[in-house]
PDB file of all heavy atoms in Angstrom:
ATOM      1  N   LEU A   1     200.276  80.495 101.934  1.00  0.00           N
ATOM      2  CA  LEU A   1     200.429  79.754 100.688  1.00  0.00           C
ATOM      3  C   LEU A   1     201.851  79.233 100.501  1.00  0.00           C
ATOM      4  O   LEU A   1     202.047  78.080 100.082  1.00  0.00           O
ATOM      5  CB  LEU A   1     200.045  80.665  99.517  1.00  0.00           C
ATOM      6  CG  LEU A   1     200.006  79.994  98.136  1.00  0.00           C
ATOM      7  CD1 LEU A   1     199.016  78.853  98.113  1.00  0.00           C
ATOM      8  CD2 LEU A   1     199.664  81.025  97.068  1.00  0.00           C
ATOM      9  N   ARG A   2     202.842  80.038 100.814  1.00  0.00           N
ATOM     10  CA  ARG A   2     204.226  79.610 100.582  1.00  0.00           C
ATOM     11  C   ARG A   2     204.584  78.404 101.445  1.00  0.00           C
ATOM     12  O   ARG A   2     205.129  77.418 100.948  1.00  0.00           O
ATOM     13  CB  ARG A   2     205.174  80.770 100.863  1.00  0.00           C
ATOM     14  CG  ARG A   2     206.626  80.444 100.534  1.00  0.00           C
ATOM     15  CD  ARG A   2     207.496  81.670 100.566  1.00  0.00           C
ATOM     16  NE  ARG A   2     207.477  82.319 101.866  1.00  0.00           N
ATOM     17  CZ  ARG A   2     208.154  83.434 102.135  1.00  0.00           C
ATOM     18  NH1 ARG A   2     208.877  84.011 101.177  1.00  0.00           N
ATOM     19  NH2 ARG A   2     208.103  83.968 103.334  1.00  0.00           N
ATOM     20  N   ARG A   3     204.285  78.449 102.721  1.00  0.00           N
ATOM     21  CA  ARG A   3     204.585  77.314 103.594  1.00  0.00           C
ATOM     22  C   ARG A   3     203.750  76.096 103.225  1.00  0.00           C
ATOM     23  O   ARG A   3     204.225  74.954 103.290  1.00  0.00           O
ATOM     24  CB  ARG A   3     204.335  77.697 105.055  1.00  0.00           C
ATOM     25  CG  ARG A   3     205.392  78.620 105.658  1.00  0.00           C
ATOM     26  CD  ARG A   3     205.119  78.911 107.116  1.00  0.00           C
ATOM     27  NE  ARG A   3     205.051  77.704 107.908  1.00  0.00           N
ATOM     28  CZ  ARG A   3     204.103  77.441 108.818  1.00  0.00           C
ATOM     29  NH1 ARG A   3     203.110  78.303 109.013  1.00  0.00           N
ATOM     30  NH2 ARG A   3     204.131  76.326 109.504  1.00  0.00           N
ATOM     31  N   SER A   4     202.488  76.347 102.835  1.00  0.00           N
ATOM     32  CA  SER A   4     201.628  75.217 102.473  1.00  0.00           C
ATOM     33  C   SER A   4     202.159  74.505 101.232  1.00  0.00           C
ATOM     34  O   SER A   4     202.197  73.266 101.180  1.00  0.00           O
ATOM     35  CB  SER A   4     200.198  75.706 102.229  1.00  0.00           C
ATOM     36  OG  SER A   4     199.642  76.242 103.413  1.00  0.00           O
ATOM     37  N   LEU A   5     202.588  75.264 100.230  1.00  0.00           N
ATOM     38  CA  LEU A   5     203.149  74.654  99.028  1.00  0.00           C
ATOM     39  C   LEU A   5     204.437  73.897  99.346  1.00  0.00           C
ATOM     40  O   LEU A   5     204.700  72.825  98.784  1.00  0.00           O
ATOM     41  CB  LEU A   5     203.411  75.721  97.979  1.00  0.00           C
ATOM     42  CG  LEU A   5     202.165  76.343  97.328  1.00  0.00           C
ATOM     43  CD1 LEU A   5     202.570  77.484  96.400  1.00  0.00           C
ATOM     44  CD2 LEU A   5     201.363  75.292  96.571  1.00  0.00           C
ATOM     45  N   SER A   6     205.244  74.462 100.238  1.00  0.00           N
ATOM     46  CA  SER A   6     206.475  73.777 100.641  1.00  0.00           C
ATOM     47  C   SER A   6     206.159  72.447 101.318  1.00  0.00           C
ATOM     48  O   SER A   6     206.831  71.431 101.076  1.00  0.00           O
ATOM     49  CB  SER A   6     207.283  74.674 101.571  1.00  0.00           C
ATOM     50  OG  SER A   6     208.450  74.029 102.012  1.00  0.00           O
ATOM     51  N   GLU A   7     205.111  72.418 102.149  1.00  0.00           N
ATOM     52  CA  GLU A   7     204.716  71.185 102.825  1.00  0.00           C
ATOM     53  C   GLU A   7     204.195  70.162 101.817  1.00  0.00           C
ATOM     54  O   GLU A   7     204.451  68.957 101.939  1.00  0.00           O
ATOM     55  CB  GLU A   7     203.644  71.488 103.874  1.00  0.00           C
ATOM     56  CG  GLU A   7     204.155  72.206 105.101  1.00  0.00           C
ATOM     57  CD  GLU A   7     205.052  71.320 105.940  1.00  0.00           C
ATOM     58  OE1 GLU A   7     204.789  70.101 106.014  1.00  0.00           O
ATOM     59  OE2 GLU A   7     206.037  71.841 106.500  1.00  0.00           O
ATOM     60  N   ILE A   8     203.469  70.614 100.813  1.00  0.00           N
ATOM     61  CA  ILE A   8     202.942  69.699  99.792  1.00  0.00           C
ATOM     62  C   ILE A   8     204.088  69.042  99.028  1.00  0.00           C
ATOM     63  O   ILE A   8     204.088  67.831  98.769  1.00  0.00           O
ATOM     64  CB  ILE A   8     202.010  70.454  98.830  1.00  0.00           C
ATOM     65  CG1 ILE A   8     200.719  70.863  99.552  1.00  0.00           C
ATOM     66  CG2 ILE A   8     201.677  69.606  97.602  1.00  0.00           C
ATOM     67  CD1 ILE A   8     199.815  71.756  98.742  1.00  0.00           C
ATOM     68  N   VAL A   9     205.108  69.863  98.665  1.00  0.00           N
ATOM     69  CA  VAL A   9     206.268  69.306  97.961  1.00  0.00           C
ATOM     70  C   VAL A   9     206.997  68.312  98.842  1.00  0.00           C
ATOM     71  O   VAL A   9     207.416  67.226  98.397  1.00  0.00           O
ATOM     72  CB  VAL A   9     207.211  70.447  97.514  1.00  0.00           C
ATOM     73  CG1 VAL A   9     208.518  69.885  96.966  1.00  0.00           C
ATOM     74  CG2 VAL A   9     206.536  71.317  96.474  1.00  0.00           C
ATOM     75  N   SER A  10     207.146  68.642 100.120  1.00  0.00           N
ATOM     76  CA  SER A  10     207.850  67.747 101.040  1.00  0.00           C
ATOM     77  C   SER A  10     207.100  66.441 101.239  1.00  0.00           C
ATOM     78  O   SER A  10     207.711  65.393 101.483  1.00  0.00           O
ATOM     79  CB  SER A  10     208.049  68.436 102.390  1.00  0.00           C
ATOM     80  OG  SER A  10     208.813  69.606 102.253  1.00  0.00           O
ATOM     81  N   ALA A  11     205.773  66.488 101.112  1.00  0.00           N
ATOM     82  CA  ALA A  11     204.955  65.293 101.344  1.00  0.00           C
ATOM     83  C   ALA A  11     204.624  64.558 100.048  1.00  0.00           C
ATOM     84  O   ALA A  11     203.683  63.765  99.995  1.00  0.00           O
ATOM     85  CB  ALA A  11     203.668  65.688 102.064  1.00  0.00           C
ATOM     86  N   ASP A  12     205.367  64.863  98.970  1.00  0.00           N
ATOM     87  CA  ASP A  12     205.176  64.195  97.677  1.00  0.00           C
ATOM     88  C   ASP A  12     203.749  64.336  97.160  1.00  0.00           C
ATOM     89  O   ASP A  12     203.152  63.386  96.634  1.00  0.00           O
ATOM     90  CB  ASP A  12     205.530  62.706  97.777  1.00  0.00           C
ATOM     91  CG  ASP A  12     207.013  62.480  98.072  1.00  0.00           C
ATOM     92  OD1 ASP A  12     207.818  63.318  97.603  1.00  0.00           O
ATOM     93  OD2 ASP A  12     207.348  61.508  98.763  1.00  0.00           O
ATOM     94  N   GLY A  13     203.199  65.532  97.298  1.00  0.00           N
ATOM     95  CA  GLY A  13     201.895  65.815  96.708  1.00  0.00           C
ATOM     96  C   GLY A  13     200.717  65.609  97.621  1.00  0.00           C
ATOM     97  O   GLY A  13     199.596  66.001  97.275  1.00  0.00           O
ATOM     98  N   ASP A  14     200.937  65.016  98.767  1.00  0.00           N
ATOM     99  CA  ASP A  14     199.821  64.882  99.711  1.00  0.00           C
ATOM    100  C   ASP A  14     199.438  66.268 100.236  1.00  0.00           C
ATOM    101  O   ASP A  14     200.281  67.139 100.418  1.00  0.00           O
ATOM    102  CB  ASP A  14     200.203  63.980 100.881  1.00  0.00           C
ATOM    103  CG  ASP A  14     200.360  62.528 100.444  1.00  0.00           C
ATOM    104  OD1 ASP A  14     199.801  62.185  99.389  1.00  0.00           O
ATOM    105  OD2 ASP A  14     201.050  61.774 101.149  1.00  0.00           O
ATOM    106  N   ILE A  15     198.147  66.453 100.491  1.00  0.00           N
ATOM    107  CA  ILE A  15     197.666  67.741 100.991  1.00  0.00           C
ATOM    108  C   ILE A  15     197.602  67.676 102.513  1.00  0.00           C
ATOM    109  O   ILE A  15     196.746  66.965 103.073  1.00  0.00           O
ATOM    110  CB  ILE A  15     196.291  68.082 100.412  1.00  0.00           C
ATOM    111  CG1 ILE A  15     196.378  68.129  98.867  1.00  0.00           C
ATOM    112  CG2 ILE A  15     195.797  69.410 100.958  1.00  0.00           C
ATOM    113  CD1 ILE A  15     195.058  68.398  98.201  1.00  0.00           C
ATOM    114  N   PRO A  16     198.492  68.330 103.196  1.00  0.00           N
ATOM    115  CA  PRO A  16     198.444  68.313 104.667  1.00  0.00           C
ATOM    116  C   PRO A  16     197.382  69.261 105.184  1.00  0.00           C
ATOM    117  O   PRO A  16     196.651  69.889 104.426  1.00  0.00           O
ATOM    118  CB  PRO A  16     199.851  68.789 105.038  1.00  0.00           C
ATOM    119  CG  PRO A  16     200.201  69.736 103.924  1.00  0.00           C
ATOM    120  CD  PRO A  16     199.556  69.176 102.676  1.00  0.00           C
ATOM    121  N   SER A  17     197.309  69.415 106.462  1.00  0.00           N
ATOM    122  CA  SER A  17     196.412  70.411 107.054  1.00  0.00           C
ATOM    123  C   SER A  17     196.870  71.791 106.631  1.00  0.00           C
ATOM    124  O   SER A  17     198.081  72.056 106.530  1.00  0.00           O
ATOM    125  CB  SER A  17     196.434  70.310 108.581  1.00  0.00           C
ATOM    126  OG  SER A  17     196.016  69.029 109.001  1.00  0.00           O
ATOM    127  N   PRO A  18     195.940  72.694 106.345  1.00  0.00           N
ATOM    128  CA  PRO A  18     196.341  74.026 105.879  1.00  0.00           C
ATOM    129  C   PRO A  18     197.142  74.763 106.955  1.00  0.00           C
ATOM    130  O   PRO A  18     196.858  74.654 108.153  1.00  0.00           O
ATOM    131  CB  PRO A  18     195.009  74.721 105.603  1.00  0.00           C
ATOM    132  CG  PRO A  18     194.016  73.981 106.418  1.00  0.00           C
ATOM    133  CD  PRO A  18     194.489  72.555 106.462  1.00  0.00           C
ATOM    134  N   LEU A  19     198.128  75.487 106.502  1.00  0.00           N
ATOM    135  CA  LEU A  19     198.955  76.281 107.404  1.00  0.00           C
ATOM    136  C   LEU A  19     198.497  77.734 107.326  1.00  0.00           C
ATOM    137  O   LEU A  19     198.302  78.277 106.235  1.00  0.00           O
ATOM    138  CB  LEU A  19     200.431  76.163 107.012  1.00  0.00           C
ATOM    139  CG  LEU A  19     200.986  74.729 107.027  1.00  0.00           C
ATOM    140  CD1 LEU A  19     202.418  74.715 106.523  1.00  0.00           C
ATOM    141  CD2 LEU A  19     200.913  74.152 108.434  1.00  0.00           C
ATOM    142  N   LEU A  20     198.330  78.361 108.467  1.00  0.00           N
ATOM    143  CA  LEU A  20     197.712  79.678 108.544  1.00  0.00           C
ATOM    144  C   LEU A  20     198.663  80.717 109.139  1.00  0.00           C
ATOM    145  O   LEU A  20     199.566  80.381 109.919  1.00  0.00           O
ATOM    146  CB  LEU A  20     196.437  79.620 109.387  1.00  0.00           C
ATOM    147  CG  LEU A  20     195.387  78.578 108.969  1.00  0.00           C
ATOM    148  CD1 LEU A  20     194.232  78.589 109.954  1.00  0.00           C
ATOM    149  CD2 LEU A  20     194.904  78.824 107.552  1.00  0.00           C
ATOM    150  N   ARG A  21     198.427  81.971 108.785  1.00  0.00           N
ATOM    151  CA  ARG A  21     199.129  83.103 109.391  1.00  0.00           C
ATOM    152  C   ARG A  21     198.106  84.173 109.746  1.00  0.00           C
ATOM    153  O   ARG A  21     197.040  84.262 109.126  1.00  0.00           O
ATOM    154  CB  ARG A  21     200.171  83.695 108.436  1.00  0.00           C
ATOM    155  CG  ARG A  21     201.290  82.743 108.086  1.00  0.00           C
ATOM    156  CD  ARG A  21     202.381  83.450 107.303  1.00  0.00           C
ATOM    157  NE  ARG A  21     203.186  84.309 108.169  1.00  0.00           N
ATOM    158  CZ  ARG A  21     204.226  83.892 108.868  1.00  0.00           C
ATOM    159  NH1 ARG A  21     204.606  82.627 108.826  1.00  0.00           N
ATOM    160  NH2 ARG A  21     204.911  84.735 109.612  1.00  0.00           N
ATOM    161  N   ARG A  22     198.446  84.978 110.730  1.00  0.00           N
ATOM    162  CA  ARG A  22     197.534  86.031 111.172  1.00  0.00           C
ATOM    163  C   ARG A  22     198.338  87.306 111.412  1.00  0.00           C
ATOM    164  O   ARG A  22     199.450  87.253 111.940  1.00  0.00           O
ATOM    165  CB  ARG A  22     196.808  85.613 112.444  1.00  0.00           C
ATOM    166  CG  ARG A  22     195.802  86.641 112.953  1.00  0.00           C
ATOM    167  CD  ARG A  22     194.940  86.060 114.053  1.00  0.00           C
ATOM    168  NE  ARG A  22     195.736  85.479 115.121  1.00  0.00           N
ATOM    169  CZ  ARG A  22     195.236  84.705 116.077  1.00  0.00           C
ATOM    170  NH1 ARG A  22     193.946  84.413 116.085  1.00  0.00           N
ATOM    171  NH2 ARG A  22     196.024  84.212 117.019  1.00  0.00           N
ATOM    172  N   ARG A  23     197.779  88.443 111.022  1.00  0.00           N
ATOM    173  CA  ARG A  23     198.452  89.723 111.258  1.00  0.00           C
ATOM    174  C   ARG A  23     198.562  89.993 112.749  1.00  0.00           C
ATOM    175  O   ARG A  23     197.614  89.799 113.505  1.00  0.00           O
ATOM    176  CB  ARG A  23     197.698  90.865 110.568  1.00  0.00           C
ATOM    177  CG  ARG A  23     197.867  90.847 109.051  1.00  0.00           C
ATOM    178  CD  ARG A  23     197.013  91.881 108.373  1.00  0.00           C
ATOM    179  NE  ARG A  23     197.360  93.240 108.771  1.00  0.00           N
ATOM    180  CZ  ARG A  23     196.783  94.319 108.270  1.00  0.00           C
ATOM    181  NH1 ARG A  23     195.810  94.199 107.358  1.00  0.00           N
ATOM    182  NH2 ARG A  23     197.138  95.525 108.669  1.00  0.00           N
ATOM    183  N   GLN A  24     199.738  90.460 113.159  1.00  0.00           N
ATOM    184  CA  GLN A  24     199.976  90.719 114.572  1.00  0.00           C
ATOM    185  C   GLN A  24     199.339  92.036 115.003  1.00  0.00           C
ATOM    186  O   GLN A  24     199.112  92.936 114.191  1.00  0.00           O
ATOM    187  CB  GLN A  24     201.482  90.775 114.844  1.00  0.00           C
ATOM    188  CG  GLN A  24     202.201  89.463 114.615  1.00  0.00           C
ATOM    189  CD  GLN A  24     203.687  89.596 114.816  1.00  0.00           C
ATOM    190  OE1 GLN A  24     204.343  90.428 114.197  1.00  0.00           O
ATOM    191  NE2 GLN A  24     204.237  88.787 115.701  1.00  0.00           N
ATOM    192  N   THR A  25     199.043  92.116 116.277  1.00  0.00           N
ATOM    193  CA  THR A  25     198.538  93.357 116.876  1.00  0.00           C
ATOM    194  C   THR A  25     199.639  93.950 117.734  1.00  0.00           C
ATOM    195  O   THR A  25     200.213  93.269 118.593  1.00  0.00           O
ATOM    196  CB  THR A  25     197.292  93.081 117.731  1.00  0.00           C
ATOM    197  OG1 THR A  25     196.274  92.527 116.903  1.00  0.00           O
ATOM    198  CG2 THR A  25     196.769  94.358 118.352  1.00  0.00           C
ATOM    199  N   VAL A  26     199.959  95.223 117.501  1.00  0.00           N
ATOM    200  CA  VAL A  26     201.049  95.871 118.233  1.00  0.00           C
ATOM    201  C   VAL A  26     200.536  97.172 118.852  1.00  0.00           C
ATOM    202  O   VAL A  26     199.611  97.802 118.324  1.00  0.00           O
ATOM    203  CB  VAL A  26     202.242  96.173 117.298  1.00  0.00           C
ATOM    204  CG1 VAL A  26     202.843  94.891 116.753  1.00  0.00           C
ATOM    205  CG2 VAL A  26     201.816  97.079 116.146  1.00  0.00           C
ATOM    206  N   PRO A  27     201.115  97.583 119.981  1.00  0.00           N
ATOM    207  CA  PRO A  27     200.700  98.860 120.590  1.00  0.00           C
ATOM    208  C   PRO A  27     201.091 100.039 119.704  1.00  0.00           C
ATOM    209  O   PRO A  27     202.104 100.019 119.018  1.00  0.00           O
ATOM    210  CB  PRO A  27     201.478  98.885 121.919  1.00  0.00           C
ATOM    211  CG  PRO A  27     201.960  97.498 122.139  1.00  0.00           C
ATOM    212  CD  PRO A  27     202.121  96.883 120.795  1.00  0.00           C
ATOM    213  N   ARG A  28     200.266 101.063 119.718  1.00  0.00           N
ATOM    214  CA  ARG A  28     200.592 102.289 119.000  1.00  0.00           C
ATOM    215  C   ARG A  28     201.673 103.071 119.734  1.00  0.00           C
ATOM    216  O   ARG A  28     201.920 102.863 120.924  1.00  0.00           O
ATOM    217  CB  ARG A  28     199.338 103.162 118.848  1.00  0.00           C
ATOM    218  CG  ARG A  28     198.314 102.574 117.889  1.00  0.00           C
ATOM    219  CD  ARG A  28     197.163 103.535 117.673  1.00  0.00           C
ATOM    220  NE  ARG A  28     196.207 102.989 116.715  1.00  0.00           N
ATOM    221  CZ  ARG A  28     196.293 103.142 115.396  1.00  0.00           C
ATOM    222  NH1 ARG A  28     197.298 103.838 114.886  1.00  0.00           N
ATOM    223  NH2 ARG A  28     195.399 102.614 114.596  1.00  0.00           N
ATOM    224  N   LYS A  29     202.304 103.972 119.006  1.00  0.00           N
ATOM    225  CA  LYS A  29     203.314 104.835 119.613  1.00  0.00           C
ATOM    226  C   LYS A  29     202.646 105.819 120.574  1.00  0.00           C
ATOM    227  O   LYS A  29     201.497 106.205 120.385  1.00  0.00           O
ATOM    228  CB  LYS A  29     204.061 105.609 118.529  1.00  0.00           C
ATOM    229  CG  LYS A  29     204.915 104.763 117.614  1.00  0.00           C
ATOM    230  CD  LYS A  29     205.512 105.574 116.484  1.00  0.00           C
ATOM    231  CE  LYS A  29     204.452 105.971 115.473  1.00  0.00           C
ATOM    232  NZ  LYS A  29     205.038 106.628 114.277  1.00  0.00           N
ATOM    233  N   LEU A  30     203.392 106.222 121.580  1.00  0.00           N
ATOM    234  CA  LEU A  30     202.953 107.252 122.522  1.00  0.00           C
ATOM    235  C   LEU A  30     203.907 108.434 122.397  1.00  0.00           C
ATOM    236  O   LEU A  30     205.122 108.288 122.532  1.00  0.00           O
ATOM    237  CB  LEU A  30     202.967 106.717 123.954  1.00  0.00           C
ATOM    238  CG  LEU A  30     202.610 107.719 125.058  1.00  0.00           C
ATOM    239  CD1 LEU A  30     201.161 108.189 124.917  1.00  0.00           C
ATOM    240  CD2 LEU A  30     202.837 107.111 126.434  1.00  0.00           C
ATOM    241  N   LEU A  31     203.360 109.607 122.098  1.00  0.00           N
ATOM    242  CA  LEU A  31     204.157 110.823 121.963  1.00  0.00           C
ATOM    243  C   LEU A  31     203.720 111.820 123.020  1.00  0.00           C
ATOM    244  O   LEU A  31     202.560 112.222 123.067  1.00  0.00           O
ATOM    245  CB  LEU A  31     203.979 111.421 120.561  1.00  0.00           C
ATOM    246  CG  LEU A  31     204.604 112.800 120.309  1.00  0.00           C
ATOM    247  CD1 LEU A  31     206.117 112.740 120.479  1.00  0.00           C
ATOM    248  CD2 LEU A  31     204.243 113.298 118.908  1.00  0.00           C
ATOM    249  N   LEU A  32     204.649 112.206 123.895  1.00  0.00           N
ATOM    250  CA  LEU A  32     204.389 113.195 124.948  1.00  0.00           C
ATOM    251  C   LEU A  32     205.118 114.484 124.609  1.00  0.00           C
ATOM    252  O   LEU A  32     206.333 114.479 124.371  1.00  0.00           O
ATOM    253  CB  LEU A  32     204.867 112.677 126.307  1.00  0.00           C
ATOM    254  CG  LEU A  32     204.220 111.397 126.839  1.00  0.00           C
ATOM    255  CD1 LEU A  32     204.825 111.026 128.189  1.00  0.00           C
ATOM    256  CD2 LEU A  32     202.722 111.545 126.966  1.00  0.00           C
ATOM    257  N   LEU A  33     204.383 115.590 124.599  1.00  0.00           N
ATOM    258  CA  LEU A  33     204.949 116.920 124.364  1.00  0.00           C
ATOM    259  C   LEU A  33     204.712 117.738 125.630  1.00  0.00           C
ATOM    260  O   LEU A  33     203.570 118.023 125.987  1.00  0.00           O
ATOM    261  CB  LEU A  33     204.284 117.577 123.157  1.00  0.00           C
ATOM    262  CG  LEU A  33     204.493 116.847 121.828  1.00  0.00           C
ATOM    263  CD1 LEU A  33     203.506 117.333 120.779  1.00  0.00           C
ATOM    264  CD2 LEU A  33     205.908 117.021 121.330  1.00  0.00           C
ATOM    265  N   ILE A  34     205.792 118.108 126.314  1.00  0.00           N
ATOM    266  CA  ILE A  34     205.699 118.683 127.656  1.00  0.00           C
ATOM    267  C   ILE A  34     206.086 120.150 127.631  1.00  0.00           C
ATOM    268  O   ILE A  34     207.193 120.521 127.217  1.00  0.00           O
ATOM    269  CB  ILE A  34     206.610 117.912 128.637  1.00  0.00           C
ATOM    270  CG1 ILE A  34     206.208 116.426 128.668  1.00  0.00           C
ATOM    271  CG2 ILE A  34     206.543 118.516 130.022  1.00  0.00           C
ATOM    272  CD1 ILE A  34     207.130 115.569 129.517  1.00  0.00           C
ATOM    273  N   ASP A  35     205.183 120.990 128.097  1.00  0.00           N
ATOM    274  CA  ASP A  35     205.405 122.431 128.200  1.00  0.00           C
ATOM    275  C   ASP A  35     206.267 122.708 129.436  1.00  0.00           C
ATOM    276  O   ASP A  35     205.887 122.361 130.555  1.00  0.00           O
ATOM    277  CB  ASP A  35     204.049 123.133 128.325  1.00  0.00           C
ATOM    278  CG  ASP A  35     204.150 124.649 128.283  1.00  0.00           C
ATOM    279  OD1 ASP A  35     205.258 125.176 128.444  1.00  0.00           O
ATOM    280  OD2 ASP A  35     203.103 125.296 128.094  1.00  0.00           O
ATOM    281  N   VAL A  36     207.451 123.317 129.231  1.00  0.00           N
ATOM    282  CA  VAL A  36     208.347 123.608 130.354  1.00  0.00           C
ATOM    283  C   VAL A  36     208.470 125.115 130.582  1.00  0.00           C
ATOM    284  O   VAL A  36     209.447 125.589 131.151  1.00  0.00           O
ATOM    285  CB  VAL A  36     209.750 122.990 130.132  1.00  0.00           C
ATOM    286  CG1 VAL A  36     209.677 121.474 130.121  1.00  0.00           C
ATOM    287  CG2 VAL A  36     210.380 123.513 128.834  1.00  0.00           C
TER     288      VAL A  36
END
């Protein structure tokens, strides 16, 4: 929404193509506990 509104203001009210965002996927942490 924020980028889309900024684009609308920049284009003097014209509605450009919608700008989208997507949540990133990241690897989970790996914890190793080693018996010595």
